[in-house]
Amino acid sequence: MKKEQTNKEFWKDIIYKNGKLDEKQVMKELADFYFLIKEVPKVYCEITGGLLSKLNYPASVILVEFNERFWDKEIIIEDIEKMMKSAKTLEELKEELEDYLK
C-alpha cells in the first residue's frame, strides 16, 4: 500500500528546485489557487441553487446537493409514466429510458 503524501511533501516536490525555493513556481501555484478561489464558489453556488458556495465543502456535500436538485423525482416519475404510455413495445420503452438517462 502506497503511503499517502503529506501536504508538506506534496508542495515540496513542486516549489523547490535543487533544494531552493523556486519563487517563480510559487507565484504560478498562487495564481492557480487565486483563480480557483474566485471561480469554484460560482460553480458551487450555481449547481446547488445558491445554497452552498464556500471552497471548503467536501466534494461529496456539493454532489449530494446537486444530485438532489438535478434529479427532481416528481418530474422523473412523470416522464417515465409518459414513456410507458407512449411506448408500443418493451424494446421501445427500454430505448427511450436509455436515451433519457444518458
PDB file of N, CA and C in Angstrom:
ATOM      1  N   MET A   1       0.839  -1.185   0.000  1.00  0.00           N
ATOM      2  CA  MET A   1       0.000   0.000   0.000  1.00  0.00           C
ATOM      3  C   MET A   1       0.885   1.249   0.000  1.00  0.00           C
ATOM      4  N   LYS A   2       0.618   2.157  -0.922  1.00  0.00           N
ATOM      5  CA  LYS A   2       1.408   3.370  -1.056  1.00  0.00           C
ATOM      6  C   LYS A   2       1.086   4.341   0.067  1.00  0.00           C
ATOM      7  N   LYS A   3       2.151   4.869   0.693  1.00  0.00           N
ATOM      8  CA  LYS A   3       1.978   5.843   1.773  1.00  0.00           C
ATOM      9  C   LYS A   3       1.422   7.146   1.198  1.00  0.00           C
ATOM     10  N   GLU A   4       0.409   7.685   1.841  1.00  0.00           N
ATOM     11  CA  GLU A   4      -0.189   8.940   1.384  1.00  0.00           C
ATOM     12  C   GLU A   4       0.762  10.093   1.674  1.00  0.00           C
ATOM     13  N   GLN A   5       0.925  10.952   0.674  1.00  0.00           N
ATOM     14  CA  GLN A   5       1.803  12.107   0.794  1.00  0.00           C
ATOM     15  C   GLN A   5       1.181  13.157   1.697  1.00  0.00           C
ATOM     16  N   THR A   6       2.006  13.768   2.543  1.00  0.00           N
ATOM     17  CA  THR A   6       1.508  14.871   3.360  1.00  0.00           C
ATOM     18  C   THR A   6       1.467  16.132   2.509  1.00  0.00           C
ATOM     19  N   ASN A   7       0.761  17.128   2.996  1.00  0.00           N
ATOM     20  CA  ASN A   7       0.693  18.423   2.313  1.00  0.00           C
ATOM     21  C   ASN A   7       2.091  18.981   2.064  1.00  0.00           C
ATOM     22  N   LYS A   8       2.920  18.926   3.093  1.00  0.00           N
ATOM     23  CA  LYS A   8       4.274  19.466   3.004  1.00  0.00           C
ATOM     24  C   LYS A   8       5.089  18.730   1.936  1.00  0.00           C
ATOM     25  N   GLU A   9       5.013  17.408   1.933  1.00  0.00           N
ATOM     26  CA  GLU A   9       5.744  16.630   0.939  1.00  0.00           C
ATOM     27  C   GLU A   9       5.256  16.927  -0.473  1.00  0.00           C
ATOM     28  N   PHE A  10       3.959  17.064  -0.634  1.00  0.00           N
ATOM     29  CA  PHE A  10       3.381  17.361  -1.941  1.00  0.00           C
ATOM     30  C   PHE A  10       3.935  18.668  -2.496  1.00  0.00           C
ATOM     31  N   TRP A  11       3.863  19.722  -1.691  1.00  0.00           N
ATOM     32  CA  TRP A  11       4.310  21.036  -2.154  1.00  0.00           C
ATOM     33  C   TRP A  11       5.824  21.120  -2.296  1.00  0.00           C
ATOM     34  N   LYS A  12       6.535  20.411  -1.456  1.00  0.00           N
ATOM     35  CA  LYS A  12       7.996  20.435  -1.534  1.00  0.00           C
ATOM     36  C   LYS A  12       8.461  20.001  -2.916  1.00  0.00           C
ATOM     37  N   ASP A  13       7.848  18.963  -3.451  1.00  0.00           N
ATOM     38  CA  ASP A  13       8.216  18.469  -4.777  1.00  0.00           C
ATOM     39  C   ASP A  13       7.902  19.480  -5.879  1.00  0.00           C
ATOM     40  N   ILE A  14       6.971  20.354  -5.653  1.00  0.00           N
ATOM     41  CA  ILE A  14       6.536  21.300  -6.678  1.00  0.00           C
ATOM     42  C   ILE A  14       7.285  22.629  -6.607  1.00  0.00           C
ATOM     43  N   ILE A  15       7.489  23.153  -5.400  1.00  0.00           N
ATOM     44  CA  ILE A  15       8.004  24.523  -5.294  1.00  0.00           C
ATOM     45  C   ILE A  15       9.495  24.620  -4.951  1.00  0.00           C
ATOM     46  N   TYR A  16      10.151  23.500  -4.793  1.00  0.00           N
ATOM     47  CA  TYR A  16      11.593  23.521  -4.557  1.00  0.00           C
ATOM     48  C   TYR A  16      12.312  22.974  -5.770  1.00  0.00           C
ATOM     49  N   LYS A  17      13.376  23.658  -6.163  1.00  0.00           N
ATOM     50  CA  LYS A  17      14.221  23.212  -7.265  1.00  0.00           C
ATOM     51  C   LYS A  17      15.665  23.196  -6.755  1.00  0.00           C
ATOM     52  N   ASN A  18      16.295  22.041  -6.842  1.00  0.00           N
ATOM     53  CA  ASN A  18      17.680  21.896  -6.362  1.00  0.00           C
ATOM     54  C   ASN A  18      17.830  22.346  -4.913  1.00  0.00           C
ATOM     55  N   GLY A  19      16.839  22.021  -4.086  1.00  0.00           N
ATOM     56  CA  GLY A  19      16.895  22.343  -2.664  1.00  0.00           C
ATOM     57  C   GLY A  19      16.565  23.778  -2.310  1.00  0.00           C
ATOM     58  N   LYS A  20      16.253  24.597  -3.306  1.00  0.00           N
ATOM     59  CA  LYS A  20      15.933  26.002  -3.048  1.00  0.00           C
ATOM     60  C   LYS A  20      14.500  26.303  -3.458  1.00  0.00           C
ATOM     61  N   LEU A  21      13.892  27.207  -2.714  1.00  0.00           N
ATOM     62  CA  LEU A  21      12.531  27.637  -3.031  1.00  0.00           C
ATOM     63  C   LEU A  21      12.531  28.328  -4.389  1.00  0.00           C
ATOM     64  N   ASP A  22      11.679  27.862  -5.283  1.00  0.00           N
ATOM     65  CA  ASP A  22      11.561  28.418  -6.630  1.00  0.00           C
ATOM     66  C   ASP A  22      10.432  29.454  -6.610  1.00  0.00           C
ATOM     67  N   GLU A  23      10.808  30.730  -6.463  1.00  0.00           N
ATOM     68  CA  GLU A  23       9.817  31.798  -6.322  1.00  0.00           C
ATOM     69  C   GLU A  23       8.886  31.868  -7.531  1.00  0.00           C
ATOM     70  N   LYS A  24       9.417  31.658  -8.719  1.00  0.00           N
ATOM     71  CA  LYS A  24       8.596  31.700  -9.930  1.00  0.00           C
ATOM     72  C   LYS A  24       7.511  30.616  -9.888  1.00  0.00           C
ATOM     73  N   GLN A  25       7.881  29.427  -9.440  1.00  0.00           N
ATOM     74  CA  GLN A  25       6.911  28.333  -9.341  1.00  0.00           C
ATOM     75  C   GLN A  25       5.878  28.603  -8.256  1.00  0.00           C
ATOM     76  N   VAL A  26       6.308  29.187  -7.141  1.00  0.00           N
ATOM     77  CA  VAL A  26       5.379  29.553  -6.066  1.00  0.00           C
ATOM     78  C   VAL A  26       4.342  30.537  -6.597  1.00  0.00           C
ATOM     79  N   MET A  27       4.792  31.514  -7.375  1.00  0.00           N
ATOM     80  CA  MET A  27       3.866  32.504  -7.933  1.00  0.00           C
ATOM     81  C   MET A  27       2.887  31.862  -8.908  1.00  0.00           C
ATOM     82  N   LYS A  28       3.347  30.890  -9.679  1.00  0.00           N
ATOM     83  CA  LYS A  28       2.440  30.165 -10.585  1.00  0.00           C
ATOM     84  C   LYS A  28       1.370  29.420  -9.787  1.00  0.00           C
ATOM     85  N   GLU A  29       1.802  28.753  -8.734  1.00  0.00           N
ATOM     86  CA  GLU A  29       0.859  27.994  -7.899  1.00  0.00           C
ATOM     87  C   GLU A  29      -0.136  28.929  -7.228  1.00  0.00           C
ATOM     88  N   LEU A  30       0.337  30.072  -6.754  1.00  0.00           N
ATOM     89  CA  LEU A  30      -0.569  31.039  -6.124  1.00  0.00           C
ATOM     90  C   LEU A  30      -1.550  31.617  -7.129  1.00  0.00           C
ATOM     91  N   ALA A  31      -1.107  31.844  -8.365  1.00  0.00           N
ATOM     92  CA  ALA A  31      -2.016  32.349  -9.402  1.00  0.00           C
ATOM     93  C   ALA A  31      -3.111  31.323  -9.681  1.00  0.00           C
ATOM     94  N   ASP A  32      -2.739  30.043  -9.759  1.00  0.00           N
ATOM     95  CA  ASP A  32      -3.741  28.986  -9.961  1.00  0.00           C
ATOM     96  C   ASP A  32      -4.717  28.934  -8.792  1.00  0.00           C
ATOM     97  N   PHE A  33      -4.176  29.040  -7.587  1.00  0.00           N
ATOM     98  CA  PHE A  33      -5.017  28.999  -6.395  1.00  0.00           C
ATOM     99  C   PHE A  33      -5.973  30.194  -6.361  1.00  0.00           C
ATOM    100  N   TYR A  34      -5.486  31.365  -6.706  1.00  0.00           N
ATOM    101  CA  TYR A  34      -6.327  32.564  -6.749  1.00  0.00           C
ATOM    102  C   TYR A  34      -7.482  32.367  -7.732  1.00  0.00           C
ATOM    103  N   PHE A  35      -7.175  31.803  -8.896  1.00  0.00           N
ATOM    104  CA  PHE A  35      -8.213  31.528  -9.891  1.00  0.00           C
ATOM    105  C   PHE A  35      -9.289  30.610  -9.309  1.00  0.00           C
ATOM    106  N   LEU A  36      -8.862  29.550  -8.631  1.00  0.00           N
ATOM    107  CA  LEU A  36      -9.817  28.615  -8.028  1.00  0.00           C
ATOM    108  C   LEU A  36     -10.671  29.284  -6.951  1.00  0.00           C
ATOM    109  N   ILE A  37     -10.041  30.117  -6.142  1.00  0.00           N
ATOM    110  CA  ILE A  37     -10.772  30.821  -5.082  1.00  0.00           C
ATOM    111  C   ILE A  37     -11.889  31.676  -5.675  1.00  0.00           C
ATOM    112  N   LYS A  38     -11.633  32.270  -6.826  1.00  0.00           N
ATOM    113  CA  LYS A  38     -12.624  33.135  -7.470  1.00  0.00           C
ATOM    114  C   LYS A  38     -13.702  32.346  -8.219  1.00  0.00           C
ATOM    115  N   GLU A  39     -13.338  31.266  -8.877  1.00  0.00           N
ATOM    116  CA  GLU A  39     -14.244  30.571  -9.786  1.00  0.00           C
ATOM    117  C   GLU A  39     -15.041  29.420  -9.168  1.00  0.00           C
ATOM    118  N   VAL A  40     -14.430  28.642  -8.308  1.00  0.00           N
ATOM    119  CA  VAL A  40     -15.117  27.465  -7.745  1.00  0.00           C
ATOM    120  C   VAL A  40     -16.391  27.840  -6.984  1.00  0.00           C
ATOM    121  N   PRO A  41     -16.385  28.897  -6.163  1.00  0.00           N
ATOM    122  CA  PRO A  41     -17.635  29.258  -5.475  1.00  0.00           C
ATOM    123  C   PRO A  41     -18.790  29.552  -6.435  1.00  0.00           C
ATOM    124  N   LYS A  42     -18.483  30.100  -7.593  1.00  0.00           N
ATOM    125  CA  LYS A  42     -19.532  30.382  -8.582  1.00  0.00           C
ATOM    126  C   LYS A  42     -20.177  29.085  -9.066  1.00  0.00           C
ATOM    127  N   VAL A  43     -19.352  28.092  -9.292  1.00  0.00           N
ATOM    128  CA  VAL A  43     -19.866  26.789  -9.747  1.00  0.00           C
ATOM    129  C   VAL A  43     -20.673  26.138  -8.631  1.00  0.00           C
ATOM    130  N   TYR A  44     -20.125  26.095  -7.427  1.00  0.00           N
ATOM    131  CA  TYR A  44     -20.842  25.507  -6.293  1.00  0.00           C
ATOM    132  C   TYR A  44     -22.196  26.181  -6.093  1.00  0.00           C
ATOM    133  N   CYS A  45     -22.198  27.494  -6.139  1.00  0.00           N
ATOM    134  CA  CYS A  45     -23.428  28.251  -5.936  1.00  0.00           C
ATOM    135  C   CYS A  45     -24.457  27.911  -7.012  1.00  0.00           C
ATOM    136  N   GLU A  46     -24.018  27.857  -8.253  1.00  0.00           N
ATOM    137  CA  GLU A  46     -24.922  27.562  -9.369  1.00  0.00           C
ATOM    138  C   GLU A  46     -25.518  26.164  -9.266  1.00  0.00           C
ATOM    139  N   ILE A  47     -24.680  25.165  -9.014  1.00  0.00           N
ATOM    140  CA  ILE A  47     -25.196  23.789  -9.044  1.00  0.00           C
ATOM    141  C   ILE A  47     -25.928  23.388  -7.773  1.00  0.00           C
ATOM    142  N   THR A  48     -25.838  24.220  -6.737  1.00  0.00           N
ATOM    143  CA  THR A  48     -26.592  23.913  -5.515  1.00  0.00           C
ATOM    144  C   THR A  48     -27.761  24.879  -5.326  1.00  0.00           C
ATOM    145  N   GLY A  49     -28.092  25.602  -6.373  1.00  0.00           N
ATOM    146  CA  GLY A  49     -29.211  26.533  -6.284  1.00  0.00           C
ATOM    147  C   GLY A  49     -28.991  27.653  -5.297  1.00  0.00           C
ATOM    148  N   GLY A  50     -27.743  28.072  -5.119  1.00  0.00           N
ATOM    149  CA  GLY A  50     -27.426  29.174  -4.215  1.00  0.00           C
ATOM    150  C   GLY A  50     -27.241  28.768  -2.768  1.00  0.00           C
ATOM    151  N   LEU A  51     -27.372  27.496  -2.478  1.00  0.00           N
ATOM    152  CA  LEU A  51     -27.285  27.029  -1.096  1.00  0.00           C
ATOM    153  C   LEU A  51     -25.846  26.972  -0.573  1.00  0.00           C
ATOM    154  N   LEU A  52     -24.918  26.507  -1.397  1.00  0.00           N
ATOM    155  CA  LEU A  52     -23.530  26.331  -0.960  1.00  0.00           C
ATOM    156  C   LEU A  52     -22.585  27.044  -1.922  1.00  0.00           C
ATOM    157  N   SER A  53     -21.580  27.735  -1.357  1.00  0.00           N
ATOM    158  CA  SER A  53     -20.624  28.399  -2.235  1.00  0.00           C
ATOM    159  C   SER A  53     -19.210  28.430  -1.666  1.00  0.00           C
ATOM    160  N   LYS A  54     -19.007  28.006  -0.468  1.00  0.00           N
ATOM    161  CA  LYS A  54     -17.676  28.062   0.143  1.00  0.00           C
ATOM    162  C   LYS A  54     -16.760  26.993  -0.453  1.00  0.00           C
ATOM    163  N   LEU A  55     -15.486  27.332  -0.577  1.00  0.00           N
ATOM    164  CA  LEU A  55     -14.490  26.413  -1.137  1.00  0.00           C
ATOM    165  C   LEU A  55     -14.247  25.180  -0.271  1.00  0.00           C
ATOM    166  N   ASN A  56     -14.458  25.309   1.021  1.00  0.00           N
ATOM    167  CA  ASN A  56     -14.059  24.230   1.921  1.00  0.00           C
ATOM    168  C   ASN A  56     -15.119  23.149   2.140  1.00  0.00           C
ATOM    169  N   TYR A  57     -16.148  23.103   1.305  1.00  0.00           N
ATOM    170  CA  TYR A  57     -17.081  21.984   1.379  1.00  0.00           C
ATOM    171  C   TYR A  57     -16.448  20.771   0.714  1.00  0.00           C
ATOM    172  N   PRO A  58     -16.565  19.607   1.322  1.00  0.00           N
ATOM    173  CA  PRO A  58     -16.100  18.406   0.633  1.00  0.00           C
ATOM    174  C   PRO A  58     -16.912  18.196  -0.652  1.00  0.00           C
ATOM    175  N   ALA A  59     -16.288  17.664  -1.668  1.00  0.00           N
ATOM    176  CA  ALA A  59     -16.964  17.429  -2.947  1.00  0.00           C
ATOM    177  C   ALA A  59     -18.233  16.606  -2.744  1.00  0.00           C
ATOM    178  N   SER A  60     -18.204  15.659  -1.825  1.00  0.00           N
ATOM    179  CA  SER A  60     -19.366  14.796  -1.602  1.00  0.00           C
ATOM    180  C   SER A  60     -20.595  15.605  -1.185  1.00  0.00           C
ATOM    181  N   VAL A  61     -20.406  16.657  -0.404  1.00  0.00           N
ATOM    182  CA  VAL A  61     -21.523  17.501   0.042  1.00  0.00           C
ATOM    183  C   VAL A  61     -22.120  18.250  -1.151  1.00  0.00           C
ATOM    184  N   ILE A  62     -21.261  18.809  -1.986  1.00  0.00           N
ATOM    185  CA  ILE A  62     -21.720  19.537  -3.170  1.00  0.00           C
ATOM    186  C   ILE A  62     -22.455  18.590  -4.109  1.00  0.00           C
ATOM    187  N   LEU A  63     -21.915  17.405  -4.316  1.00  0.00           N
ATOM    188  CA  LEU A  63     -22.523  16.445  -5.241  1.00  0.00           C
ATOM    189  C   LEU A  63     -23.870  15.934  -4.747  1.00  0.00           C
ATOM    190  N   VAL A  64     -24.003  15.714  -3.455  1.00  0.00           N
ATOM    191  CA  VAL A  64     -25.298  15.288  -2.906  1.00  0.00           C
ATOM    192  C   VAL A  64     -26.349  16.364  -3.167  1.00  0.00           C
ATOM    193  N   GLU A  65     -26.002  17.599  -2.885  1.00  0.00           N
ATOM    194  CA  GLU A  65     -26.950  18.695  -3.101  1.00  0.00           C
ATOM    195  C   GLU A  65     -27.289  18.835  -4.586  1.00  0.00           C
ATOM    196  N   PHE A  66     -26.276  18.746  -5.433  1.00  0.00           N
ATOM    197  CA  PHE A  66     -26.506  18.824  -6.879  1.00  0.00           C
ATOM    198  C   PHE A  66     -27.442  17.718  -7.340  1.00  0.00           C
ATOM    199  N   ASN A  67     -27.168  16.494  -6.938  1.00  0.00           N
ATOM    200  CA  ASN A  67     -27.982  15.359  -7.380  1.00  0.00           C
ATOM    201  C   ASN A  67     -29.420  15.464  -6.891  1.00  0.00           C
ATOM    202  N   GLU A  68     -29.611  15.965  -5.694  1.00  0.00           N
ATOM    203  CA  GLU A  68     -30.978  16.139  -5.186  1.00  0.00           C
ATOM    204  C   GLU A  68     -31.737  17.181  -5.997  1.00  0.00           C
ATOM    205  N   ARG A  69     -31.044  18.238  -6.406  1.00  0.00           N
ATOM    206  CA  ARG A  69     -31.685  19.301  -7.174  1.00  0.00           C
ATOM    207  C   ARG A  69     -31.832  18.923  -8.645  1.00  0.00           C
ATOM    208  N   PHE A  70     -30.840  18.258  -9.190  1.00  0.00           N
ATOM    209  CA  PHE A  70     -30.832  17.940 -10.616  1.00  0.00           C
ATOM    210  C   PHE A  70     -31.845  16.854 -10.944  1.00  0.00           C
ATOM    211  N   TRP A  71     -31.906  15.862 -10.120  1.00  0.00           N
ATOM    212  CA  TRP A  71     -32.807  14.730 -10.373  1.00  0.00           C
ATOM    213  C   TRP A  71     -34.098  14.929  -9.590  1.00  0.00           C
ATOM    214  N   ASP A  72     -34.982  15.780 -10.091  1.00  0.00           N
ATOM    215  CA  ASP A  72     -36.278  16.024  -9.463  1.00  0.00           C
ATOM    216  C   ASP A  72     -37.139  14.769  -9.630  1.00  0.00           C
ATOM    217  N   LYS A  73     -37.380  14.092  -8.537  1.00  0.00           N
ATOM    218  CA  LYS A  73     -38.056  12.787  -8.566  1.00  0.00           C
ATOM    219  C   LYS A  73     -39.463  12.857  -9.164  1.00  0.00           C
ATOM    220  N   GLU A  74     -40.184  13.904  -8.866  1.00  0.00           N
ATOM    221  CA  GLU A  74     -41.549  14.018  -9.400  1.00  0.00           C
ATOM    222  C   GLU A  74     -41.542  14.143 -10.919  1.00  0.00           C
ATOM    223  N   ILE A  75     -40.621  14.944 -11.421  1.00  0.00           N
ATOM    224  CA  ILE A  75     -40.530  15.106 -12.876  1.00  0.00           C
ATOM    225  C   ILE A  75     -40.094  13.801 -13.530  1.00  0.00           C
ATOM    226  N   ILE A  76     -39.156  13.118 -12.918  1.00  0.00           N
ATOM    227  CA  ILE A  76     -38.685  11.845 -13.469  1.00  0.00           C
ATOM    228  C   ILE A  76     -39.825  10.830 -13.521  1.00  0.00           C
ATOM    229  N   ILE A  77     -40.601  10.755 -12.460  1.00  0.00           N
ATOM    230  CA  ILE A  77     -41.737   9.829 -12.424  1.00  0.00           C
ATOM    231  C   ILE A  77     -42.736  10.170 -13.521  1.00  0.00           C
ATOM    232  N   GLU A  78     -43.044  11.454 -13.684  1.00  0.00           N
ATOM    233  CA  GLU A  78     -43.968  11.876 -14.746  1.00  0.00           C
ATOM    234  C   GLU A  78     -43.426  11.511 -16.125  1.00  0.00           C
ATOM    235  N   ASP A  79     -42.146  11.760 -16.342  1.00  0.00           N
ATOM    236  CA  ASP A  79     -41.524  11.439 -17.628  1.00  0.00           C
ATOM    237  C   ASP A  79     -41.594   9.943 -17.922  1.00  0.00           C
ATOM    238  N   ILE A  80     -41.298   9.142 -16.931  1.00  0.00           N
ATOM    239  CA  ILE A  80     -41.318   7.684 -17.122  1.00  0.00           C
ATOM    240  C   ILE A  80     -42.739   7.190 -17.374  1.00  0.00           C
ATOM    241  N   GLU A  81     -43.707   7.759 -16.661  1.00  0.00           N
ATOM    242  CA  GLU A  81     -45.108   7.379 -16.897  1.00  0.00           C
ATOM    243  C   GLU A  81     -45.518   7.700 -18.337  1.00  0.00           C
ATOM    244  N   LYS A  82     -45.092   8.858 -18.837  1.00  0.00           N
ATOM    245  CA  LYS A  82     -45.389   9.223 -20.230  1.00  0.00           C
ATOM    246  C   LYS A  82     -44.739   8.234 -21.200  1.00  0.00           C
ATOM    247  N   MET A  83     -43.517   7.882 -20.920  1.00  0.00           N
ATOM    248  CA  MET A  83     -42.820   6.921 -21.782  1.00  0.00           C
ATOM    249  C   MET A  83     -43.524   5.572 -21.788  1.00  0.00           C
ATOM    250  N   MET A  84     -43.986   5.153 -20.615  1.00  0.00           N
ATOM    251  CA  MET A  84     -44.666   3.861 -20.515  1.00  0.00           C
ATOM    252  C   MET A  84     -45.970   3.862 -21.315  1.00  0.00           C
ATOM    253  N   LYS A  85     -46.657   4.996 -21.283  1.00  0.00           N
ATOM    254  CA  LYS A  85     -47.912   5.095 -22.016  1.00  0.00           C
ATOM    255  C   LYS A  85     -47.697   5.163 -23.528  1.00  0.00           C
ATOM    256  N   SER A  86     -46.627   5.839 -23.949  1.00  0.00           N
ATOM    257  CA  SER A  86     -46.414   6.044 -25.384  1.00  0.00           C
ATOM    258  C   SER A  86     -45.654   4.895 -26.060  1.00  0.00           C
ATOM    259  N   ALA A  87     -44.872   4.148 -25.308  1.00  0.00           N
ATOM    260  CA  ALA A  87     -44.086   3.064 -25.912  1.00  0.00           C
ATOM    261  C   ALA A  87     -45.007   1.929 -26.355  1.00  0.00           C
ATOM    262  N   LYS A  88     -44.773   1.477 -27.572  1.00  0.00           N
ATOM    263  CA  LYS A  88     -45.610   0.396 -28.112  1.00  0.00           C
ATOM    264  C   LYS A  88     -45.079  -0.995 -27.747  1.00  0.00           C
ATOM    265  N   THR A  89     -43.778  -1.066 -27.500  1.00  0.00           N
ATOM    266  CA  THR A  89     -43.174  -2.357 -27.133  1.00  0.00           C
ATOM    267  C   THR A  89     -42.229  -2.146 -25.955  1.00  0.00           C
ATOM    268  N   LEU A  90     -41.882  -3.226 -25.344  1.00  0.00           N
ATOM    269  CA  LEU A  90     -40.940  -3.184 -24.233  1.00  0.00           C
ATOM    270  C   LEU A  90     -39.568  -2.703 -24.728  1.00  0.00           C
ATOM    271  N   GLU A  91     -39.203  -3.120 -25.920  1.00  0.00           N
ATOM    272  CA  GLU A  91     -37.927  -2.705 -26.501  1.00  0.00           C
ATOM    273  C   GLU A  91     -37.911  -1.187 -26.736  1.00  0.00           C
ATOM    274  N   GLU A  92     -39.002  -0.638 -27.223  1.00  0.00           N
ATOM    275  CA  GLU A  92     -39.105   0.801 -27.441  1.00  0.00           C
ATOM    276  C   GLU A  92     -39.005   1.553 -26.117  1.00  0.00           C
ATOM    277  N   LEU A  93     -39.650   1.040 -25.091  1.00  0.00           N
ATOM    278  CA  LEU A  93     -39.578   1.645 -23.759  1.00  0.00           C
ATOM    279  C   LEU A  93     -38.136   1.621 -23.255  1.00  0.00           C
ATOM    280  N   LYS A  94     -37.488   0.493 -23.430  1.00  0.00           N
ATOM    281  CA  LYS A  94     -36.097   0.353 -22.995  1.00  0.00           C
ATOM    282  C   LYS A  94     -35.216   1.393 -23.685  1.00  0.00           C
ATOM    283  N   GLU A  95     -35.380   1.573 -24.982  1.00  0.00           N
ATOM    284  CA  GLU A  95     -34.591   2.551 -25.737  1.00  0.00           C
ATOM    285  C   GLU A  95     -34.861   3.973 -25.257  1.00  0.00           C
ATOM    286  N   GLU A  96     -36.127   4.282 -25.007  1.00  0.00           N
ATOM    287  CA  GLU A  96     -36.486   5.619 -24.515  1.00  0.00           C
ATOM    288  C   GLU A  96     -35.860   5.884 -23.142  1.00  0.00           C
ATOM    289  N   LEU A  97     -35.902   4.881 -22.276  1.00  0.00           N
ATOM    290  CA  LEU A  97     -35.311   5.041 -20.942  1.00  0.00           C
ATOM    291  C   LEU A  97     -33.794   5.216 -21.022  1.00  0.00           C
ATOM    292  N   GLU A  98     -33.169   4.459 -21.898  1.00  0.00           N
ATOM    293  CA  GLU A  98     -31.719   4.584 -22.065  1.00  0.00           C
ATOM    294  C   GLU A  98     -31.356   5.983 -22.564  1.00  0.00           C
ATOM    295  N   ASP A  99     -32.115   6.492 -23.524  1.00  0.00           N
ATOM    296  CA  ASP A  99     -31.872   7.843 -24.049  1.00  0.00           C
ATOM    297  C   ASP A  99     -32.091   8.893 -22.953  1.00  0.00           C
ATOM    298  N   TYR A 100     -33.116   8.688 -22.173  1.00  0.00           N
ATOM    299  CA  TYR A 100     -33.463   9.631 -21.097  1.00  0.00           C
ATOM    300  C   TYR A 100     -32.352   9.723 -20.066  1.00  0.00           C
ATOM    301  N   LEU A 101     -31.730   8.607 -19.773  1.00  0.00           N
ATOM    302  CA  LEU A 101     -30.724   8.562 -18.686  1.00  0.00           C
ATOM    303  C   LEU A 101     -29.301   8.823 -19.165  1.00  0.00           C
ATOM    304  N   LYS A 102     -29.126   9.114 -20.441  1.00  0.00           N
ATOM    305  CA  LYS A 102     -27.770   9.408 -20.949  1.00  0.00           C
ATOM    306  C   LYS A 102     -27.312  10.766 -20.491  1.00  0.00           C
TER     307      LYS A 102
END
